[in-house]
Amino acid sequence: MTNQEVFSFKDELIALRRDFHMYPEVGFELHRTSKLVQEYLENLGLEVKRIAKTGVVALLRGNKPGRTIMLRADMDALNLQELNDTPYRSKIEGIMHACGHDGHTAMLLVAAKILKKHQSELSGNVKFVFQPSEEKFPPGGALPMIEEGVLMDPPVDYAFGIHLWNSLECGKIGLRPGAMMAAADEFRILLKGKGGHGALPHQCKDPIVAACELVLALQTIVSRNIDPLESAVLSVGKIQSGSAFNIIPEYALIEGTTRSLNETVREIIKQQIHRITKGVAIANDLEFEIDHKEGTAVLRNDEFLNQIIVEVAKSVVGEENVVLVPPTMGGEDMSFFLQRVPGVFYLVGSANTERGINKPHHSPYFDIDERALLIGTQMHVETVFRFLRKDDGSLSKSN
């Protein structure tokens, strides 16, 4: 396939992305988005079904039997008011595609259209997976799709996903073997005290003082309990307590997130949160409750398959534009697919600093250089061609 074949779909790619951008939806409530995706895929003549509420899966069967390759795109937006002044800005108050999922959806749809044209050349199957609720975890959309059989019938051999990435300039592709994105967990601590008048603290059990002490103490988990050569984050994002300046309240609530790149560190952090909270509560004569929710798993790219995608990327953007990216402490539920089947999740640069298109993900000013859509689409197509256009003995299934 040539670049020209993908380039011929440039206007359609941009139109699809902008349509999804103007009408964003969140979580599993992707009714308009899923309807458009389903209709588009059905019009291509693919086998299409709904899964996990508003998820969509389409199957393209090649001319001959072979492996099954899964390509995944997430579809959901964020609860965020867009502040960009563009013709395609969000028309839905308080909701915005600020992470590139509109582009992910458009790229995979057009990739499906191109691959359908080449169906007779394929030995094997392509499963196109359009996932809801990547942003809202738990429960997220990947696990429900897995539980409802998305990796079966036919069984998926390899899984691949793309994320448009504003930390990379458009024209570059970033990959990393092994651990690439973090396990992202959530914790909620409720301190229970005894309220009363602010002028009589000796008659009270003050949860605010304890909460302040606890926030500082929790920072010692990473600095004093985790190997400095390991990667870990503990951030408190919310403290809530009190109703008036002169009242000592009954309760204080602390909420935060933890991130880690291996399961041992993840467990140490969890245990230390409980130990330190218990100690602070006892020292201040308070009761406490802890709710610790496990989020995404560590996202690990298969090293063998990663090297193959590196070669595919070189053929698309040139060797000089394929870069080894550092791991990120962001979470991504593509990790659950990659726990079960080998695969690769990688980054397609979408920034254009000269044009001011370099705002971070989850910013109300987030936007992408839409030329990245062409690169991502071609990566999807070339990946399938690499695995399914011929029976290459070197592509033995990775362990």
Protein backbone atom coordinates (compact mmCIF):
# COMPACT_ATOMS: atom_id res chain seq x y z
CA MET A 1 0.00 0.00 0.00
CA THR A 2 1.21 3.51 -0.73
CA ASN A 3 0.85 6.71 1.25
CA GLN A 4 -1.36 7.98 -1.54
CA GLU A 5 -4.06 5.42 -0.77
CA VAL A 6 -4.37 6.65 2.81
CA PHE A 7 -4.00 10.28 1.72
CA SER A 8 -7.02 9.87 -0.54
CA PHE A 9 -9.08 9.53 2.66
CA LYS A 10 -7.72 12.72 4.24
CA ASP A 11 -10.95 14.70 3.94
CA GLU A 12 -13.03 11.81 5.28
CA LEU A 13 -10.67 11.30 8.22
CA ILE A 14 -10.83 14.95 9.20
CA ALA A 15 -14.60 15.13 8.75
CA LEU A 16 -15.13 12.06 10.94
CA ARG A 17 -12.80 13.31 13.64
CA ARG A 18 -14.42 16.75 13.72
CA ASP A 19 -17.91 15.28 13.86
CA PHE A 20 -16.99 13.15 16.87
CA HIS A 21 -15.25 16.17 18.39
CA MET A 22 -18.32 18.38 18.08
CA TYR A 23 -20.63 15.81 19.69
CA PRO A 24 -18.62 14.21 22.49
CA GLU A 25 -20.06 11.65 24.89
CA VAL A 26 -18.67 10.20 28.12
CA GLY A 27 -18.31 6.84 29.82
CA PHE A 28 -20.68 4.18 28.54
CA GLU A 29 -23.20 6.81 27.36
CA LEU A 30 -21.86 6.82 23.81
CA HIS A 31 -25.19 6.38 22.06
CA ARG A 32 -24.68 8.73 19.12
CA THR A 33 -21.02 7.79 18.69
CA SER A 34 -21.68 4.04 18.78
CA LYS A 35 -24.60 4.36 16.36
CA LEU A 36 -22.43 6.18 13.82
CA VAL A 37 -19.57 3.71 14.26
CA GLN A 38 -21.87 0.72 13.90
CA GLU A 39 -23.56 2.09 10.79
CA TYR A 40 -20.24 2.96 9.17
CA LEU A 41 -18.89 -0.56 9.74
CA GLU A 42 -22.10 -2.26 8.62
CA ASN A 43 -22.01 -0.24 5.41
CA LEU A 44 -18.57 -1.73 4.75
CA GLY A 45 -20.08 -5.21 4.90
CA LEU A 46 -18.31 -6.27 8.08
CA GLU A 47 -19.71 -8.53 10.79
CA VAL A 48 -20.71 -6.03 13.48
CA LYS A 49 -22.10 -6.36 16.99
CA ARG A 50 -22.61 -4.26 20.11
CA ILE A 51 -20.82 -5.27 23.28
CA ALA A 52 -20.41 -3.84 26.79
CA LYS A 53 -23.37 -1.47 26.40
CA THR A 54 -22.03 0.96 23.80
CA GLY A 55 -18.92 -0.84 22.59
CA VAL A 56 -18.75 -1.94 18.96
CA VAL A 57 -16.81 -4.85 17.47
CA ALA A 58 -16.44 -5.57 13.76
CA LEU A 59 -14.82 -8.58 12.15
CA LEU A 60 -13.13 -8.70 8.76
CA ARG A 61 -12.42 -12.22 7.58
CA GLY A 62 -9.53 -12.55 5.16
CA ASN A 63 -9.49 -14.66 2.04
CA LYS A 64 -7.53 -17.43 3.78
CA PRO A 65 -7.30 -18.68 7.37
CA GLY A 66 -4.62 -17.28 9.65
CA ARG A 67 -4.03 -15.22 12.74
CA THR A 68 -6.55 -12.80 14.22
CA ILE A 69 -5.26 -9.27 14.75
CA MET A 70 -7.14 -6.93 17.06
CA LEU A 71 -7.02 -3.16 16.53
CA ARG A 72 -8.48 -1.06 19.32
CA ALA A 73 -9.74 2.53 19.54
CA ASP A 74 -11.33 4.22 22.55
CA MET A 75 -14.29 6.52 21.87
CA ASP A 76 -15.18 8.44 25.03
CA ALA A 77 -14.61 12.09 25.95
CA LEU A 78 -14.10 13.97 29.22
CA ASN A 79 -16.27 16.08 31.52
CA LEU A 80 -14.51 19.30 30.59
CA GLN A 81 -15.61 22.61 29.06
CA GLU A 82 -13.75 23.26 25.81
CA LEU A 83 -12.15 26.70 25.55
CA ASN A 84 -10.84 26.45 21.97
CA ASP A 85 -12.27 28.79 19.35
CA THR A 86 -12.46 26.50 16.31
CA PRO A 87 -15.27 25.70 13.87
CA TYR A 88 -15.38 22.17 15.27
CA ARG A 89 -15.34 23.00 18.99
CA SER A 90 -17.59 20.89 21.21
CA LYS A 91 -21.29 21.68 20.94
CA ILE A 92 -22.03 19.85 24.20
CA GLU A 93 -21.64 21.98 27.31
CA GLY A 94 -19.20 20.58 29.82
CA ILE A 95 -17.99 17.71 27.63
CA MET A 96 -14.92 17.70 25.40
CA HIS A 97 -12.66 15.36 23.48
CA ALA A 98 -9.49 16.47 25.26
CA CYS A 99 -7.48 13.28 24.87
CA GLY A 100 -7.62 12.39 21.18
CA HIS A 101 -10.22 9.63 21.28
CA ASP A 102 -12.16 11.34 18.50
CA GLY A 103 -9.09 10.87 16.33
CA HIS A 104 -8.61 7.28 17.47
CA THR A 105 -12.16 6.45 16.39
CA ALA A 106 -11.81 8.16 13.00
CA MET A 107 -8.48 6.46 12.26
CA LEU A 108 -9.77 2.98 12.99
CA LEU A 109 -12.93 3.49 10.94
CA VAL A 110 -10.98 4.54 7.87
CA ALA A 111 -8.44 1.77 8.44
CA ALA A 112 -11.36 -0.68 8.38
CA LYS A 113 -12.53 0.79 5.07
CA ILE A 114 -9.09 0.47 3.49
CA LEU A 115 -8.53 -3.06 4.80
CA LYS A 116 -11.94 -4.12 3.52
CA LYS A 117 -10.74 -3.15 0.02
CA HIS A 118 -7.76 -5.48 0.51
CA GLN A 119 -9.77 -8.34 2.04
CA SER A 120 -8.78 -10.81 -0.69
CA GLU A 121 -5.09 -10.28 0.13
CA LEU A 122 -5.38 -11.18 3.81
CA SER A 123 -4.70 -14.55 5.42
CA GLY A 124 -6.45 -14.27 8.74
CA ASN A 125 -8.90 -11.94 10.46
CA VAL A 126 -8.98 -8.36 11.70
CA LYS A 127 -11.09 -7.52 14.73
CA PHE A 128 -11.85 -3.80 15.04
CA VAL A 129 -12.65 -2.94 18.67
CA PHE A 130 -14.26 0.41 19.53
CA GLN A 131 -14.20 0.74 23.29
CA PRO A 132 -16.34 2.93 25.57
CA SER A 133 -15.32 4.37 28.93
CA GLU A 134 -11.55 4.42 28.85
CA GLU A 135 -11.51 7.64 30.86
CA LYS A 136 -13.90 6.57 33.64
CA PHE A 137 -12.29 3.87 35.69
CA PRO A 138 -13.46 1.81 37.45
CA PRO A 139 -15.08 -0.04 35.82
CA GLY A 140 -13.70 1.19 32.49
CA GLY A 141 -14.66 -0.33 29.19
CA ALA A 142 -11.93 -2.88 28.50
CA LEU A 143 -12.76 -5.37 31.27
CA PRO A 144 -16.50 -5.56 30.43
CA MET A 145 -15.61 -6.13 26.78
CA ILE A 146 -13.21 -8.91 27.76
CA GLU A 147 -15.81 -10.47 30.06
CA GLU A 148 -18.32 -10.45 27.19
CA GLY A 149 -15.90 -12.30 24.92
CA VAL A 150 -14.26 -9.64 22.74
CA LEU A 151 -11.02 -11.64 22.64
CA MET A 152 -12.80 -14.80 21.48
CA ASP A 153 -14.73 -16.06 18.44
CA PRO A 154 -12.25 -16.04 16.79
CA PRO A 155 -9.55 -15.93 19.47
CA VAL A 156 -7.29 -12.89 19.20
CA ASP A 157 -3.60 -13.65 18.64
CA TYR A 158 -2.18 -10.12 18.82
CA ALA A 159 -3.64 -6.78 19.97
CA PHE A 160 -2.52 -3.31 18.91
CA GLY A 161 -3.58 0.18 19.90
CA ILE A 162 -2.60 3.77 19.10
CA HIS A 163 -2.74 6.91 21.20
CA LEU A 164 -2.38 10.32 19.60
CA TRP A 165 0.21 12.09 21.73
CA ASN A 166 0.80 15.80 22.17
CA SER A 167 4.16 15.29 23.83
CA LEU A 168 5.45 14.26 20.40
CA GLU A 169 5.53 16.41 17.29
CA CYS A 170 3.38 15.28 14.40
CA GLY A 171 5.43 13.03 12.14
CA LYS A 172 7.02 11.06 14.98
CA ILE A 173 6.02 7.70 16.44
CA GLY A 174 6.97 6.68 19.97
CA LEU A 175 7.34 3.11 21.18
CA ARG A 176 8.68 1.30 24.21
CA PRO A 177 9.10 -2.42 24.96
CA GLY A 178 8.00 -3.71 28.34
CA ALA A 179 6.33 -1.50 30.95
CA MET A 180 5.12 1.68 29.28
CA MET A 181 2.19 2.97 31.34
CA ALA A 182 1.41 2.70 35.02
CA ALA A 183 -1.00 0.85 37.23
CA ALA A 184 -3.30 3.65 38.37
CA ASP A 185 -5.19 3.17 41.63
CA GLU A 186 -7.50 5.34 43.70
CA PHE A 187 -7.77 5.70 47.47
CA ARG A 188 -10.34 7.32 49.74
CA ILE A 189 -9.69 7.85 53.47
CA LEU A 190 -12.39 8.96 55.89
CA LEU A 191 -11.24 10.20 59.30
CA LYS A 192 -13.96 10.21 61.97
CA GLY A 193 -13.58 12.60 64.90
CA LYS A 194 -15.79 14.47 67.36
CA GLY A 195 -17.09 17.87 66.36
CA GLY A 196 -17.66 20.94 68.48
CA HIS A 197 -16.95 24.63 68.94
CA GLY A 198 -13.74 25.99 67.48
CA ALA A 199 -13.08 27.82 70.75
CA LEU A 200 -13.13 24.55 72.73
CA PRO A 201 -10.82 22.16 70.81
CA HIS A 202 -10.02 20.20 73.99
CA GLN A 203 -13.60 18.93 73.96
CA CYS A 204 -13.29 17.73 70.37
CA LYS A 205 -11.36 15.21 68.29
CA ASP A 206 -10.21 17.29 65.33
CA PRO A 207 -10.10 15.37 62.00
CA ILE A 208 -8.72 18.38 60.12
CA VAL A 209 -5.46 18.49 62.06
CA ALA A 210 -5.12 14.73 61.58
CA ALA A 211 -5.89 15.03 57.86
CA CYS A 212 -3.12 17.61 57.44
CA GLU A 213 -0.71 15.37 59.30
CA LEU A 214 -1.79 12.38 57.22
CA VAL A 215 -1.33 14.10 53.85
CA LEU A 216 2.28 14.91 54.75
CA ALA A 217 2.92 11.46 56.21
CA LEU A 218 1.62 9.74 53.07
CA GLN A 219 4.38 11.45 51.07
CA THR A 220 6.95 9.35 52.94
CA ILE A 221 5.63 6.21 51.26
CA VAL A 222 7.39 6.97 47.99
CA SER A 223 10.35 8.83 49.48
CA ARG A 224 11.13 6.36 52.27
CA ASN A 225 9.51 3.03 51.43
CA ILE A 226 10.05 2.59 47.68
CA ASP A 227 13.38 1.79 46.05
CA PRO A 228 14.60 5.08 44.50
CA LEU A 229 15.26 3.19 41.25
CA GLU A 230 11.58 2.29 40.99
CA SER A 231 8.87 4.60 39.65
CA ALA A 232 5.99 5.51 41.94
CA VAL A 233 3.61 8.41 42.55
CA LEU A 234 1.20 9.20 45.38
CA SER A 235 -0.87 12.35 44.92
CA VAL A 236 -3.66 13.66 47.13
CA GLY A 237 -6.17 15.42 44.92
CA LYS A 238 -9.00 16.16 47.30
CA ILE A 239 -9.44 17.16 50.95
CA GLN A 240 -12.96 17.87 52.17
CA SER A 241 -14.06 18.81 55.66
CA GLY A 242 -15.95 21.36 57.68
CA SER A 243 -18.88 23.71 57.15
CA ALA A 244 -17.94 26.91 59.01
CA PHE A 245 -14.85 28.78 60.26
CA ASN A 246 -15.66 28.28 63.93
CA ILE A 247 -16.79 24.65 63.95
CA ILE A 248 -14.53 21.64 64.38
CA PRO A 249 -16.15 19.03 62.12
CA GLU A 250 -16.92 15.38 62.69
CA TYR A 251 -15.26 14.10 59.52
CA ALA A 252 -12.42 14.75 57.08
CA LEU A 253 -12.20 13.10 53.67
CA ILE A 254 -8.96 12.59 51.72
CA GLU A 255 -8.90 11.24 48.16
CA GLY A 256 -5.96 10.57 45.89
CA THR A 257 -4.25 8.38 43.34
CA THR A 258 -1.23 6.09 43.30
CA ARG A 259 0.81 5.06 40.27
CA SER A 260 3.45 2.37 39.83
CA LEU A 261 5.18 0.37 37.12
CA ASN A 262 5.32 -3.01 38.84
CA GLU A 263 2.98 -5.04 40.99
CA THR A 264 5.33 -5.35 43.98
CA VAL A 265 5.58 -1.58 44.35
CA ARG A 266 1.83 -1.32 43.87
CA GLU A 267 1.23 -3.65 46.83
CA ILE A 268 3.78 -1.90 49.05
CA ILE A 269 2.04 1.44 48.49
CA LYS A 270 -1.34 -0.05 49.33
CA GLN A 271 -0.05 -1.61 52.57
CA GLN A 272 1.76 1.56 53.62
CA ILE A 273 -1.33 3.74 53.09
CA HIS A 274 -3.17 1.52 55.56
CA ARG A 275 -0.30 1.41 58.06
CA ILE A 276 0.28 5.18 58.11
CA THR A 277 -3.44 6.01 58.22
CA LYS A 278 -3.94 3.67 61.14
CA GLY A 279 -1.00 5.23 62.98
CA VAL A 280 -2.16 8.82 62.47
CA ALA A 281 -5.71 7.90 63.46
CA ILE A 282 -4.55 6.20 66.66
CA ALA A 283 -2.27 9.12 67.52
CA ASN A 284 -5.20 11.52 67.19
CA ASP A 285 -7.80 9.23 68.81
CA LEU A 286 -9.85 8.98 65.62
CA GLU A 287 -11.62 6.21 63.76
CA PHE A 288 -10.91 5.71 60.07
CA GLU A 289 -12.09 3.96 56.92
CA ILE A 290 -10.04 3.26 53.78
CA ASP A 291 -11.44 2.42 50.37
CA HIS A 292 -8.69 1.42 47.94
CA LYS A 293 -9.80 0.82 44.35
CA GLU A 294 -7.48 -0.88 41.91
CA GLY A 295 -7.58 0.80 38.52
CA THR A 296 -5.69 0.01 35.36
CA ALA A 297 -2.95 -2.59 35.30
CA VAL A 298 0.63 -1.89 34.27
CA LEU A 299 0.62 -1.66 30.48
CA ARG A 300 3.36 -3.95 29.13
CA ASN A 301 4.28 -4.14 25.47
CA ASP A 302 5.47 -7.47 24.13
CA GLU A 303 9.16 -7.02 23.27
CA PHE A 304 9.10 -9.25 20.19
CA LEU A 305 6.02 -7.59 18.72
CA ASN A 306 7.27 -4.13 19.70
CA GLN A 307 10.30 -4.60 17.47
CA ILE A 308 8.05 -5.54 14.57
CA ILE A 309 5.97 -2.38 15.08
CA VAL A 310 9.22 -0.38 15.20
CA GLU A 311 9.98 -1.68 11.71
CA VAL A 312 6.45 -0.88 10.53
CA ALA A 313 6.79 2.64 11.93
CA LYS A 314 10.11 3.14 10.14
CA SER A 315 8.41 2.27 6.86
CA VAL A 316 5.70 4.86 7.53
CA VAL A 317 7.60 7.88 8.94
CA GLY A 318 11.28 7.02 8.41
CA GLU A 319 13.82 5.66 10.87
CA GLU A 320 14.79 9.11 12.15
CA ASN A 321 11.21 9.76 13.30
CA VAL A 322 10.77 6.58 15.33
CA VAL A 323 11.72 7.26 18.95
CA LEU A 324 12.04 5.34 22.18
CA VAL A 325 9.73 7.08 24.63
CA PRO A 326 10.07 6.99 28.42
CA PRO A 327 7.37 5.27 30.46
CA THR A 328 4.53 7.46 31.67
CA MET A 329 2.72 7.30 34.98
CA GLY A 330 -0.59 7.78 33.22
CA GLY A 331 -2.99 4.83 33.25
CA GLU A 332 -4.58 3.14 30.24
CA ASP A 333 -7.00 0.21 30.26
CA MET A 334 -5.57 -1.15 27.02
CA SER A 335 -3.39 -2.81 29.67
CA PHE A 336 -6.12 -5.38 30.33
CA PHE A 337 -6.11 -6.53 26.71
CA LEU A 338 -2.33 -6.83 26.80
CA GLN A 339 -2.48 -8.87 30.02
CA ARG A 340 -4.35 -11.54 28.09
CA VAL A 341 -2.82 -11.47 24.62
CA PRO A 342 0.56 -10.17 23.43
CA GLY A 343 0.53 -6.84 21.68
CA VAL A 344 1.76 -3.27 21.49
CA PHE A 345 0.33 0.09 22.45
CA TYR A 346 2.22 3.02 20.97
CA LEU A 347 2.13 6.78 20.46
CA VAL A 348 1.58 8.80 17.28
CA GLY A 349 2.78 12.39 17.60
CA SER A 350 -0.03 14.94 17.21
CA ALA A 351 1.55 18.24 18.30
CA ASN A 352 2.50 21.17 16.10
CA THR A 353 4.39 23.65 18.25
CA GLU A 354 4.72 26.24 15.49
CA ARG A 355 0.92 26.41 15.19
CA GLY A 356 0.40 26.35 18.96
CA ILE A 357 -1.11 22.86 18.85
CA ASN A 358 0.83 21.47 21.78
CA LYS A 359 -1.49 21.75 24.77
CA PRO A 360 -1.41 18.77 27.12
CA HIS A 361 -3.98 16.03 27.23
CA HIS A 362 -7.00 16.82 29.43
CA SER A 363 -6.50 20.55 28.87
CA PRO A 364 -9.54 22.63 27.81
CA TYR A 365 -7.31 23.91 24.97
CA PHE A 366 -6.29 20.46 23.72
CA ASP A 367 -6.26 19.98 19.96
CA ILE A 368 -4.28 17.90 17.45
CA ASP A 369 -2.48 18.40 14.18
CA GLU A 370 -4.88 16.46 11.98
CA ARG A 371 -2.07 15.23 9.73
CA ALA A 372 -1.45 12.74 12.53
CA LEU A 373 -4.70 11.01 11.54
CA LEU A 374 -3.10 9.93 8.25
CA ILE A 375 -0.08 8.48 10.05
CA GLY A 376 -2.17 6.59 12.58
CA THR A 377 -4.43 5.17 9.90
CA GLN A 378 -1.49 4.00 7.85
CA MET A 379 0.07 2.39 10.93
CA HIS A 380 -3.12 0.38 11.52
CA VAL A 381 -3.21 -0.76 7.90
CA GLU A 382 0.49 -1.54 7.58
CA THR A 383 0.43 -3.48 10.85
CA VAL A 384 -2.30 -5.75 9.52
CA PHE A 385 -0.45 -6.16 6.23
CA ARG A 386 2.73 -7.07 8.10
CA PHE A 387 1.00 -9.93 9.90
CA LEU A 388 -1.69 -11.12 7.50
CA ARG A 389 -0.48 -10.50 3.95
CA LYS A 390 1.82 -13.52 3.97
CA ASP A 391 2.57 -16.51 6.14
CA ASP A 392 5.90 -15.46 7.63
CA GLY A 393 7.43 -18.13 9.83
CA SER A 394 9.36 -15.47 11.73
CA LEU A 395 6.10 -14.27 13.25
CA SER A 396 5.69 -17.17 15.61
CA LYS A 397 3.33 -16.36 18.46
CA SER A 398 5.08 -14.48 21.23
CA ASN A 399 4.98 -15.89 24.76
